[in-house]
C-alpha atoms as a PDB file:
ATOM      1  CA  UNK A   1      93.984  -8.194 -24.375  1.00  0.00           C
ATOM      2  CA  UNK A   2      94.477  -4.368 -23.771  1.00  0.00           C
ATOM      3  CA  UNK A   3      91.996  -2.696 -21.501  1.00  0.00           C
ATOM      4  CA  UNK A   4      89.950   0.069 -23.199  1.00  0.00           C
ATOM      5  CA  UNK A   5      90.994   3.623 -22.360  1.00  0.00           C
ATOM      6  CA  UNK A   6      88.607   5.704 -20.133  1.00  0.00           C
ATOM      7  CA  UNK A   7      87.280   8.533 -22.279  1.00  0.00           C
ATOM      8  CA  UNK A   8      88.745  11.843 -21.338  1.00  0.00           C
ATOM      9  CA  UNK A   9      86.458  14.770 -20.036  1.00  0.00           C
ATOM     10  CA  UNK A  10      85.726  17.226 -22.601  1.00  0.00           C
ATOM     11  CA  UNK A  11      87.908  20.308 -22.394  1.00  0.00           C
ATOM     12  CA  UNK A  12      85.032  22.640 -21.931  1.00  0.00           C
ATOM     13  CA  UNK A  13      83.987  20.603 -18.823  1.00  0.00           C
ATOM     14  CA  UNK A  14      87.454  20.887 -17.349  1.00  0.00           C
ATOM     15  CA  UNK A  15      87.433  24.641 -18.208  1.00  0.00           C
ATOM     16  CA  UNK A  16      84.102  25.228 -16.303  1.00  0.00           C
ATOM     17  CA  UNK A  17      85.076  23.190 -13.199  1.00  0.00           C
ATOM     18  CA  UNK A  18      88.369  25.159 -13.105  1.00  0.00           C
ATOM     19  CA  UNK A  19      86.408  28.493 -13.137  1.00  0.00           C
ATOM     20  CA  UNK A  20      83.982  27.305 -10.525  1.00  0.00           C
ATOM     21  CA  UNK A  21      86.881  26.318  -8.110  1.00  0.00           C
ATOM     22  CA  UNK A  22      88.498  29.685  -8.823  1.00  0.00           C
ATOM     23  CA  UNK A  23      85.419  31.660  -7.935  1.00  0.00           C
ATOM     24  CA  UNK A  24      84.573  29.757  -4.826  1.00  0.00           C
ATOM     25  CA  UNK A  25      88.206  30.286  -3.572  1.00  0.00           C
ATOM     26  CA  UNK A  26      87.814  34.063  -4.382  1.00  0.00           C
ATOM     27  CA  UNK A  27      84.249  34.343  -2.771  1.00  0.00           C
ATOM     28  CA  UNK A  28      85.849  32.763   0.419  1.00  0.00           C
ATOM     29  CA  UNK A  29      88.628  35.149   0.462  1.00  0.00           C
ATOM     30  CA  UNK A  30      86.329  38.211  -0.109  1.00  0.00           C
ATOM     31  CA  UNK A  31      84.004  36.977   2.559  1.00  0.00           C
ATOM     32  CA  UNK A  32      86.686  36.715   5.058  1.00  0.00           C
ATOM     33  CA  UNK A  33      88.017  40.158   4.054  1.00  0.00           C
ATOM     34  CA  UNK A  34      84.500  41.585   4.522  1.00  0.00           C
ATOM     35  CA  UNK A  35      84.233  39.859   7.872  1.00  0.00           C
ATOM     36  CA  UNK A  36      87.442  41.413   8.911  1.00  0.00           C
ATOM     37  CA  UNK A  37      86.418  44.793   7.797  1.00  0.00           C
ATOM     38  CA  UNK A  38      83.205  44.642   9.803  1.00  0.00           C
ATOM     39  CA  UNK A  39      84.656  43.371  12.753  1.00  0.00           C
ATOM     40  CA  UNK A  40      87.368  46.265  12.646  1.00  0.00           C
ATOM     41  CA  UNK A  41      84.473  48.831  11.951  1.00  0.00           C
ATOM     42  CA  UNK A  42      82.242  47.850  14.903  1.00  0.00           C
ATOM     43  CA  UNK A  43      83.801  49.363  17.933  1.00  0.00           C
ATOM     44  CA  UNK A  44      82.035  50.298  21.232  1.00  0.00           C
ATOM     45  CA  UNK A  45      80.845  53.758  21.646  1.00  0.00           C
ATOM     46  CA  UNK A  46      83.064  55.899  23.743  1.00  0.00           C
ATOM     47  CA  UNK A  47      82.050  57.057  27.147  1.00  0.00           C
ATOM     48  CA  UNK A  48      81.234  60.594  27.696  1.00  0.00           C
ATOM     49  CA  UNK A  49      84.411  62.605  28.530  1.00  0.00           C
ATOM     50  CA  UNK A  50      84.745  65.343  31.022  1.00  0.00           C
ATOM     51  CA  UNK A  51      85.907  68.869  29.645  1.00  0.00           C
ATOM     52  CA  UNK A  52      89.217  70.546  30.172  1.00  0.00           C
ATOM     53  CA  UNK A  53      89.296  73.164  32.768  1.00  0.00           C
ATOM     54  CA  UNK A  54      88.925  76.817  31.680  1.00  0.00           C
ATOM     55  CA  UNK A  55      92.143  78.471  32.898  1.00  0.00           C
ATOM     56  CA  UNK A  56      92.311  81.356  30.465  1.00  0.00           C
ATOM     57  CA  UNK A  57      93.366  84.543  31.373  1.00  0.00           C
ATOM     58  CA  UNK A  58      92.413  87.751  29.438  1.00  0.00           C
ATOM     59  CA  UNK A  59      93.921  87.763  25.895  1.00  0.00           C
ATOM     60  CA  UNK A  60      94.389  90.125  23.048  1.00  0.00           C
ATOM     61  CA  UNK A  61      91.581  90.907  20.929  1.00  0.00           C
ATOM     62  CA  UNK A  62      90.461  88.168  18.439  1.00  0.00           C
ATOM     63  CA  UNK A  63      87.657  88.140  15.783  1.00  0.00           C
ATOM     64  CA  UNK A  64      85.396  85.950  17.657  1.00  0.00           C
ATOM     65  CA  UNK A  65      82.617  86.185  15.244  1.00  0.00           C
ATOM     66  CA  UNK A  66      83.904  84.367  12.172  1.00  0.00           C
ATOM     67  CA  UNK A  67      81.727  81.570  11.009  1.00  0.00           C
ATOM     68  CA  UNK A  68      81.158  79.531   7.973  1.00  0.00           C
ATOM     69  CA  UNK A  69      79.750  81.473   5.147  1.00  0.00           C
ATOM     70  CA  UNK A  70      76.163  80.331   3.926  1.00  0.00           C
ATOM     71  CA  UNK A  71      74.201  80.283   7.208  1.00  0.00           C
ATOM     72  CA  UNK A  72      70.790  79.171   6.565  1.00  0.00           C
ATOM     73  CA  UNK A  73      68.192  82.111   7.072  1.00  0.00           C
ATOM     74  CA  UNK A  74      66.176  81.901  10.223  1.00  0.00           C
ATOM     75  CA  UNK A  75      62.255  81.787   9.763  1.00  0.00           C
ATOM     76  CA  UNK A  76      60.508  85.216   9.766  1.00  0.00           C
ATOM     77  CA  UNK A  77      59.463  85.541  13.417  1.00  0.00           C
ATOM     78  CA  UNK A  78      58.990  88.726  15.421  1.00  0.00           C
ATOM     79  CA  UNK A  79      62.212  89.353  17.472  1.00  0.00           C
ATOM     80  CA  UNK A  80      60.510  91.037  20.485  1.00  0.00           C
ATOM     81  CA  UNK A  81      57.950  88.697  21.929  1.00  0.00           C
ATOM     82  CA  UNK A  82      57.982  87.700  25.614  1.00  0.00           C
ATOM     83  CA  UNK A  83      57.684  83.816  25.385  1.00  0.00           C
ATOM     84  CA  UNK A  84      59.908  83.059  28.513  1.00  0.00           C
ATOM     85  CA  UNK A  85      57.312  83.142  31.348  1.00  0.00           C
ATOM     86  CA  UNK A  86      60.065  84.985  33.401  1.00  0.00           C
ATOM     87  CA  UNK A  87      57.273  86.724  35.506  1.00  0.00           C
ATOM     88  CA  UNK A  88      57.206  83.366  37.561  1.00  0.00           C
ATOM     89  CA  UNK A  89      61.046  83.429  37.965  1.00  0.00           C
ATOM     90  CA  UNK A  90      61.197  85.728  41.045  1.00  0.00           C
ATOM     91  CA  UNK A  91      63.457  83.454  42.955  1.00  0.00           C
ATOM     92  CA  UNK A  92      66.220  83.951  40.612  1.00  0.00           C
ATOM     93  CA  UNK A  93      68.364  86.954  39.591  1.00  0.00           C
ATOM     94  CA  UNK A  94      68.151  86.619  35.918  1.00  0.00           C
ATOM     95  CA  UNK A  95      66.943  89.724  34.070  1.00  0.00           C
ATOM     96  CA  UNK A  96      63.367  89.562  32.522  1.00  0.00           C
ATOM     97  CA  UNK A  97      63.731  88.322  28.977  1.00  0.00           C
ATOM     98  CA  UNK A  98      61.698  90.183  26.145  1.00  0.00           C
ATOM     99  CA  UNK A  99      62.923  88.496  23.054  1.00  0.00           C
ATOM    100  CA  UNK A 100      61.210  85.500  21.183  1.00  0.00           C
ATOM    101  CA  UNK A 101      62.808  82.284  22.624  1.00  0.00           C
ATOM    102  CA  UNK A 102      61.631  80.111  19.802  1.00  0.00           C
ATOM    103  CA  UNK A 103      63.474  82.418  17.273  1.00  0.00           C
ATOM    104  CA  UNK A 104      66.370  82.575  19.531  1.00  0.00           C
ATOM    105  CA  UNK A 105      66.828  78.917  19.697  1.00  0.00           C
ATOM    106  CA  UNK A 106      66.519  78.442  15.829  1.00  0.00           C
ATOM    107  CA  UNK A 107      69.191  80.976  15.357  1.00  0.00           C
ATOM    108  CA  UNK A 108      71.519  79.411  18.109  1.00  0.00           C
ATOM    109  CA  UNK A 109      71.127  75.917  16.365  1.00  0.00           C
ATOM    110  CA  UNK A 110      72.163  77.537  13.011  1.00  0.00           C
ATOM    111  CA  UNK A 111      75.176  79.181  14.633  1.00  0.00           C
ATOM    112  CA  UNK A 112      76.077  75.923  16.117  1.00  0.00           C
ATOM    113  CA  UNK A 113      75.888  74.177  12.841  1.00  0.00           C
ATOM    114  CA  UNK A 114      78.238  76.475  11.263  1.00  0.00           C
ATOM    115  CA  UNK A 115      80.781  76.354  14.157  1.00  0.00           C
ATOM    116  CA  UNK A 116      80.603  72.509  14.148  1.00  0.00           C
ATOM    117  CA  UNK A 117      81.295  72.547  10.380  1.00  0.00           C
ATOM    118  CA  UNK A 118      84.546  74.440  11.000  1.00  0.00           C
ATOM    119  CA  UNK A 119      85.753  71.597  13.296  1.00  0.00           C
ATOM    120  CA  UNK A 120      87.239  73.966  16.007  1.00  0.00           C
ATOM    121  CA  UNK A 121      89.804  72.314  18.241  1.00  0.00           C
ATOM    122  CA  UNK A 122      89.935  73.271  21.870  1.00  0.00           C
ATOM    123  CA  UNK A 123      92.875  75.921  21.558  1.00  0.00           C
ATOM    124  CA  UNK A 124      92.766  78.775  24.130  1.00  0.00           C
ATOM    125  CA  UNK A 125      95.153  80.993  22.224  1.00  0.00           C
ATOM    126  CA  UNK A 126      92.679  80.927  19.222  1.00  0.00           C
ATOM    127  CA  UNK A 127      89.520  81.587  21.217  1.00  0.00           C
ATOM    128  CA  UNK A 128      88.296  78.115  20.897  1.00  0.00           C
ATOM    129  CA  UNK A 129      88.209  76.871  24.421  1.00  0.00           C
ATOM    130  CA  UNK A 130      84.805  76.807  26.295  1.00  0.00           C
ATOM    131  CA  UNK A 131      84.800  80.535  27.110  1.00  0.00           C
ATOM    132  CA  UNK A 132      86.167  81.446  23.702  1.00  0.00           C
ATOM    133  CA  UNK A 133      83.120  79.487  22.050  1.00  0.00           C
ATOM    134  CA  UNK A 134      80.708  81.274  24.387  1.00  0.00           C
ATOM    135  CA  UNK A 135      82.186  84.623  22.956  1.00  0.00           C
ATOM    136  CA  UNK A 136      81.989  83.575  19.375  1.00  0.00           C
ATOM    137  CA  UNK A 137      78.230  82.658  19.834  1.00  0.00           C
ATOM    138  CA  UNK A 138      77.588  85.916  21.830  1.00  0.00           C
ATOM    139  CA  UNK A 139      79.016  87.884  18.989  1.00  0.00           C
ATOM    140  CA  UNK A 140      77.248  86.076  16.299  1.00  0.00           C
ATOM    141  CA  UNK A 141      73.790  85.984  17.819  1.00  0.00           C
ATOM    142  CA  UNK A 142      73.967  89.850  17.909  1.00  0.00           C
ATOM    143  CA  UNK A 143      74.429  89.953  14.213  1.00  0.00           C
ATOM    144  CA  UNK A 144      71.770  87.314  13.253  1.00  0.00           C
ATOM    145  CA  UNK A 145      69.069  88.474  15.624  1.00  0.00           C
ATOM    146  CA  UNK A 146      68.950  92.320  15.154  1.00  0.00           C
ATOM    147  CA  UNK A 147      67.231  93.089  18.361  1.00  0.00           C
ATOM    148  CA  UNK A 148      69.941  91.523  20.303  1.00  0.00           C
ATOM    149  CA  UNK A 149      72.538  93.669  18.447  1.00  0.00           C
ATOM    150  CA  UNK A 150      70.734  96.881  19.460  1.00  0.00           C
ATOM    151  CA  UNK A 151      73.480  98.539  21.791  1.00  0.00           C
ATOM    152  CA  UNK A 152      70.926 100.851  23.244  1.00  0.00           C
ATOM    153  CA  UNK A 153      68.968  97.930  24.662  1.00  0.00           C
ATOM    154  CA  UNK A 154      71.410  95.162  25.515  1.00  0.00           C
ATOM    155  CA  UNK A 155      75.179  94.797  26.502  1.00  0.00           C
ATOM    156  CA  UNK A 156      77.386  91.781  26.944  1.00  0.00           C
ATOM    157  CA  UNK A 157      80.699  90.543  28.508  1.00  0.00           C
ATOM    158  CA  UNK A 158      83.774  91.510  26.659  1.00  0.00           C
ATOM    159  CA  UNK A 159      86.236  89.140  25.163  1.00  0.00           C
ATOM    160  CA  UNK A 160      89.274  91.178  26.246  1.00  0.00           C
ATOM    161  CA  UNK A 161      88.068  91.928  29.723  1.00  0.00           C
ATOM    162  CA  UNK A 162      85.944  88.950  30.643  1.00  0.00           C
ATOM    163  CA  UNK A 163      87.836  86.323  28.980  1.00  0.00           C
ATOM    164  CA  UNK A 164      87.449  82.991  31.055  1.00  0.00           C
ATOM    165  CA  UNK A 165      84.262  81.465  32.350  1.00  0.00           C
ATOM    166  CA  UNK A 166      84.677  82.830  36.084  1.00  0.00           C
ATOM    167  CA  UNK A 167      85.085  86.408  34.770  1.00  0.00           C
ATOM    168  CA  UNK A 168      82.035  85.904  32.384  1.00  0.00           C
ATOM    169  CA  UNK A 169      79.852  84.765  35.371  1.00  0.00           C
ATOM    170  CA  UNK A 170      81.042  87.701  37.439  1.00  0.00           C
ATOM    171  CA  UNK A 171      80.130  90.005  34.629  1.00  0.00           C
ATOM    172  CA  UNK A 172      76.594  88.779  34.618  1.00  0.00           C
ATOM    173  CA  UNK A 173      76.293  88.699  38.360  1.00  0.00           C
ATOM    174  CA  UNK A 174      77.467  92.328  38.480  1.00  0.00           C
ATOM    175  CA  UNK A 175      74.634  93.308  35.947  1.00  0.00           C
ATOM    176  CA  UNK A 176      71.825  91.484  37.727  1.00  0.00           C
ATOM    177  CA  UNK A 177      71.551  88.683  35.261  1.00  0.00           C
ATOM    178  CA  UNK A 178      72.520  85.591  37.145  1.00  0.00           C
ATOM    179  CA  UNK A 179      71.061  82.894  39.087  1.00  0.00           C
ATOM    180  CA  UNK A 180      72.986  80.654  41.480  1.00  0.00           C
ATOM    181  CA  UNK A 181      71.706  76.990  41.180  1.00  0.00           C
ATOM    182  CA  UNK A 182      71.307  75.482  44.636  1.00  0.00           C
ATOM    183  CA  UNK A 183      69.078  72.657  43.338  1.00  0.00           C
ATOM    184  CA  UNK A 184      69.026  71.817  39.708  1.00  0.00           C
ATOM    185  CA  UNK A 185      65.944  70.034  39.684  1.00  0.00           C
ATOM    186  CA  UNK A 186      64.142  72.747  41.396  1.00  0.00           C
ATOM    187  CA  UNK A 187      65.496  75.316  39.046  1.00  0.00           C
ATOM    188  CA  UNK A 188      65.354  73.356  35.672  1.00  0.00           C
ATOM    189  CA  UNK A 189      62.474  75.514  34.333  1.00  0.00           C
ATOM    190  CA  UNK A 190      64.792  78.482  34.282  1.00  0.00           C
ATOM    191  CA  UNK A 191      66.594  76.700  31.370  1.00  0.00           C
ATOM    192  CA  UNK A 192      65.499  78.062  28.101  1.00  0.00           C
ATOM    193  CA  UNK A 193      67.161  78.484  24.629  1.00  0.00           C
ATOM    194  CA  UNK A 194      69.862  81.185  25.074  1.00  0.00           C
ATOM    195  CA  UNK A 195      70.582  80.416  28.665  1.00  0.00           C
ATOM    196  CA  UNK A 196      74.346  80.487  29.606  1.00  0.00           C
ATOM    197  CA  UNK A 197      75.123  77.401  31.971  1.00  0.00           C
ATOM    198  CA  UNK A 198      77.961  77.194  34.190  1.00  0.00           C
ATOM    199  CA  UNK A 199      79.483  74.136  35.661  1.00  0.00           C
ATOM    200  CA  UNK A 200      81.676  73.387  38.650  1.00  0.00           C
ATOM    201  CA  UNK A 201      84.945  71.349  38.948  1.00  0.00           C
ATOM    202  CA  UNK A 202      84.961  67.765  37.935  1.00  0.00           C
ATOM    203  CA  UNK A 203      83.514  65.378  40.367  1.00  0.00           C
ATOM    204  CA  UNK A 204      82.928  68.091  42.966  1.00  0.00           C
ATOM    205  CA  UNK A 205      79.381  68.548  44.769  1.00  0.00           C
ATOM    206  CA  UNK A 206      78.602  71.966  46.302  1.00  0.00           C
ATOM    207  CA  UNK A 207      75.859  73.315  48.676  1.00  0.00           C
ATOM    208  CA  UNK A 208      75.152  76.774  49.957  1.00  0.00           C
ATOM    209  CA  UNK A 209      76.947  78.147  46.851  1.00  0.00           C
ATOM    210  CA  UNK A 210      78.004  81.911  46.772  1.00  0.00           C
ATOM    211  CA  UNK A 211      79.451  84.062  43.988  1.00  0.00           C
ATOM    212  CA  UNK A 212      82.898  84.178  45.788  1.00  0.00           C
ATOM    213  CA  UNK A 213      82.826  80.138  45.686  1.00  0.00           C
ATOM    214  CA  UNK A 214      82.118  80.318  42.031  1.00  0.00           C
ATOM    215  CA  UNK A 215      84.231  83.172  40.601  1.00  0.00           C
ATOM    216  CA  UNK A 216      86.734  84.062  43.173  1.00  0.00           C
ATOM    217  CA  UNK A 217      86.125  87.806  42.559  1.00  0.00           C
ATOM    218  CA  UNK A 218      89.327  89.848  41.631  1.00  0.00           C
ATOM    219  CA  UNK A 219      91.378  86.947  40.977  1.00  0.00           C
ATOM    220  CA  UNK A 220      89.223  84.708  38.766  1.00  0.00           C
ATOM    221  CA  UNK A 221      91.204  81.612  39.238  1.00  0.00           C
ATOM    222  CA  UNK A 222      90.677  78.386  41.089  1.00  0.00           C
ATOM    223  CA  UNK A 223      92.721  78.721  44.452  1.00  0.00           C
ATOM    224  CA  UNK A 224      91.657  75.255  46.169  1.00  0.00           C
ATOM    225  CA  UNK A 225      88.741  77.053  48.010  1.00  0.00           C
ATOM    226  CA  UNK A 226      87.062  79.508  45.528  1.00  0.00           C
ATOM    227  CA  UNK A 227      86.908  80.012  41.752  1.00  0.00           C
ATOM    228  CA  UNK A 228      85.034  76.634  41.312  1.00  0.00           C
ATOM    229  CA  UNK A 229      83.302  77.465  37.932  1.00  0.00           C
ATOM    230  CA  UNK A 230      85.231  75.306  35.481  1.00  0.00           C
ATOM    231  CA  UNK A 231      83.073  75.241  32.307  1.00  0.00           C
ATOM    232  CA  UNK A 232      80.525  77.290  30.302  1.00  0.00           C
ATOM    233  CA  UNK A 233      78.235  76.447  27.564  1.00  0.00           C
ATOM    234  CA  UNK A 234      75.039  77.921  25.862  1.00  0.00           C
ATOM    235  CA  UNK A 235      71.679  76.145  25.595  1.00  0.00           C
ATOM    236  CA  UNK A 236      70.282  75.843  22.063  1.00  0.00           C
ATOM    237  CA  UNK A 237      67.089  73.598  22.681  1.00  0.00           C
ATOM    238  CA  UNK A 238      65.219  72.382  25.670  1.00  0.00           C
ATOM    239  CA  UNK A 239      62.594  69.275  25.844  1.00  0.00           C
ATOM    240  CA  UNK A 240      59.564  69.329  28.177  1.00  0.00           C
ATOM    241  CA  UNK A 241      57.283  66.779  29.591  1.00  0.00           C
ATOM    242  CA  UNK A 242      53.577  66.839  29.286  1.00  0.00           C
ATOM    243  CA  UNK A 243      53.353  68.962  32.453  1.00  0.00           C
ATOM    244  CA  UNK A 244      55.578  71.585  30.862  1.00  0.00           C
ATOM    245  CA  UNK A 245      58.622  70.849  32.790  1.00  0.00           C
ATOM    246  CA  UNK A 246      62.212  70.836  31.384  1.00  0.00           C
ATOM    247  CA  UNK A 247      63.533  67.315  31.249  1.00  0.00           C
ATOM    248  CA  UNK A 248      66.358  67.586  28.845  1.00  0.00           C
ATOM    249  CA  UNK A 249      68.383  70.359  27.011  1.00  0.00           C
ATOM    250  CA  UNK A 250      71.073  70.669  24.271  1.00  0.00           C
ATOM    251  CA  UNK A 251      74.017  72.948  24.592  1.00  0.00           C
ATOM    252  CA  UNK A 252      76.836  74.261  22.339  1.00  0.00           C
ATOM    253  CA  UNK A 253      80.313  74.407  23.746  1.00  0.00           C
ATOM    254  CA  UNK A 254      84.025  74.051  23.424  1.00  0.00           C
ATOM    255  CA  UNK A 255      84.500  70.612  24.808  1.00  0.00           C
ATOM    256  CA  UNK A 256      88.164  69.365  25.151  1.00  0.00           C
ATOM    257  CA  UNK A 257      91.302  68.369  23.217  1.00  0.00           C
ATOM    258  CA  UNK A 258      89.704  65.102  21.979  1.00  0.00           C
ATOM    259  CA  UNK A 259      86.532  66.754  20.557  1.00  0.00           C
ATOM    260  CA  UNK A 260      85.721  69.718  18.178  1.00  0.00           C
ATOM    261  CA  UNK A 261      83.348  72.272  19.532  1.00  0.00           C
ATOM    262  CA  UNK A 262      79.919  70.918  19.282  1.00  0.00           C
ATOM    263  CA  UNK A 263      76.503  70.365  20.708  1.00  0.00           C
ATOM    264  CA  UNK A 264      75.973  67.804  23.408  1.00  0.00           C
ATOM    265  CA  UNK A 265      72.900  66.807  25.640  1.00  0.00           C
ATOM    266  CA  UNK A 266      73.042  67.695  29.372  1.00  0.00           C
ATOM    267  CA  UNK A 267      72.860  64.983  31.874  1.00  0.00           C
ATOM    268  CA  UNK A 268      69.403  63.253  31.469  1.00  0.00           C
ATOM    269  CA  UNK A 269      68.046  59.931  32.914  1.00  0.00           C
ATOM    270  CA  UNK A 270      64.667  59.960  31.017  1.00  0.00           C
ATOM    271  CA  UNK A 271      61.140  61.203  31.774  1.00  0.00           C
ATOM    272  CA  UNK A 272      60.118  61.148  35.320  1.00  0.00           C
ATOM    273  CA  UNK A 273      63.027  61.005  37.417  1.00  0.00           C
ATOM    274  CA  UNK A 274      66.734  61.264  38.071  1.00  0.00           C
ATOM    275  CA  UNK A 275      67.645  58.415  40.189  1.00  0.00           C
ATOM    276  CA  UNK A 276      70.000  56.596  37.871  1.00  0.00           C
ATOM    277  CA  UNK A 277      73.323  57.357  36.245  1.00  0.00           C
ATOM    278  CA  UNK A 278      73.128  61.104  36.754  1.00  0.00           C
ATOM    279  CA  UNK A 279      71.592  61.387  40.170  1.00  0.00           C
ATOM    280  CA  UNK A 280      74.683  63.042  41.608  1.00  0.00           C
ATOM    281  CA  UNK A 281      74.645  65.907  38.825  1.00  0.00           C
ATOM    282  CA  UNK A 282      71.198  66.474  37.385  1.00  0.00           C
ATOM    283  CA  UNK A 283      71.222  68.719  34.438  1.00  0.00           C
ATOM    284  CA  UNK A 284      74.871  68.901  34.654  1.00  0.00           C
ATOM    285  CA  UNK A 285      77.702  68.261  32.283  1.00  0.00           C
ATOM    286  CA  UNK A 286      78.674  64.655  32.557  1.00  0.00           C
ATOM    287  CA  UNK A 287      80.404  64.743  35.889  1.00  0.00           C
ATOM    288  CA  UNK A 288      80.258  68.446  36.493  1.00  0.00           C
ATOM    289  CA  UNK A 289      77.441  70.172  38.860  1.00  0.00           C
ATOM    290  CA  UNK A 290      75.213  72.750  37.156  1.00  0.00           C
ATOM    291  CA  UNK A 291      76.026  75.747  39.450  1.00  0.00           C
ATOM    292  CA  UNK A 292      74.659  78.835  37.805  1.00  0.00           C
ATOM    293  CA  UNK A 293      72.604  80.407  34.859  1.00  0.00           C
ATOM    294  CA  UNK A 294      72.341  83.631  33.118  1.00  0.00           C
ATOM    295  CA  UNK A 295      70.465  84.950  29.810  1.00  0.00           C
ATOM    296  CA  UNK A 296      72.996  85.464  27.074  1.00  0.00           C
ATOM    297  CA  UNK A 297      71.639  89.124  26.647  1.00  0.00           C
ATOM    298  CA  UNK A 298      71.592  91.542  29.541  1.00  0.00           C
ATOM    299  CA  UNK A 299      68.950  94.696  29.055  1.00  0.00           C
ATOM    300  CA  UNK A 300      70.598  97.996  29.900  1.00  0.00           C
END
């Protein structure tokens, strides 16, 4: 006797199962792809990098003031208000400041935003190395803060005559607006928005610092003994603790061939101490010692 045939599954059930299997396979594939994408995207943060040496000699004139159009207007504040407490800075040689530092800091941040948007590579011939970025900011701040652009009151280093960081430092020293930093922690409250900060050579630590050691006057190059300034930046913002002491600052500078000109934070171990990663170079630039300070503007 013939066995009864097993009833076939209805067509629509087979179709549903087929779609389900196909969907599971697709989901698995997509999940794998997503997992791979995430794994590829998660990379460790790079370590801070030292800047390149400022070896620039004097060059032909360049328009150092070009910045992206559409700069945000700074808030309406008085230009000439002494907020710097420089009366208590008799141990330094920086000139007394008579401009509103809060307004100056805001303007410097806006200038920095514009320069960062341009993605300026570290190219000396284009005036985009560390000293070139200093000159761009120095020129722009005179245009955007009218009191600093008053040639009867203030003067500044020249791009053509004071091209590299050692020449800039010597200019400030010669015009009595320069403070040599023997102890960065002791001098930290001299750091304000608009302070020009100078740094030594990578991994070198100095004591009993002199202007000859820093600039090598008349030559303005590193000769193995003198001319130790290697980098320059401009402070845009400072942070203070409850006691009013500077504990942190941001600076705008041309960095190196791997990074566009941008703001970074100076060496900082956190409130209350410098006994950790940056104990060797407190308030320095990664592995470069803070060696001198100046106000960006110099009174006549």
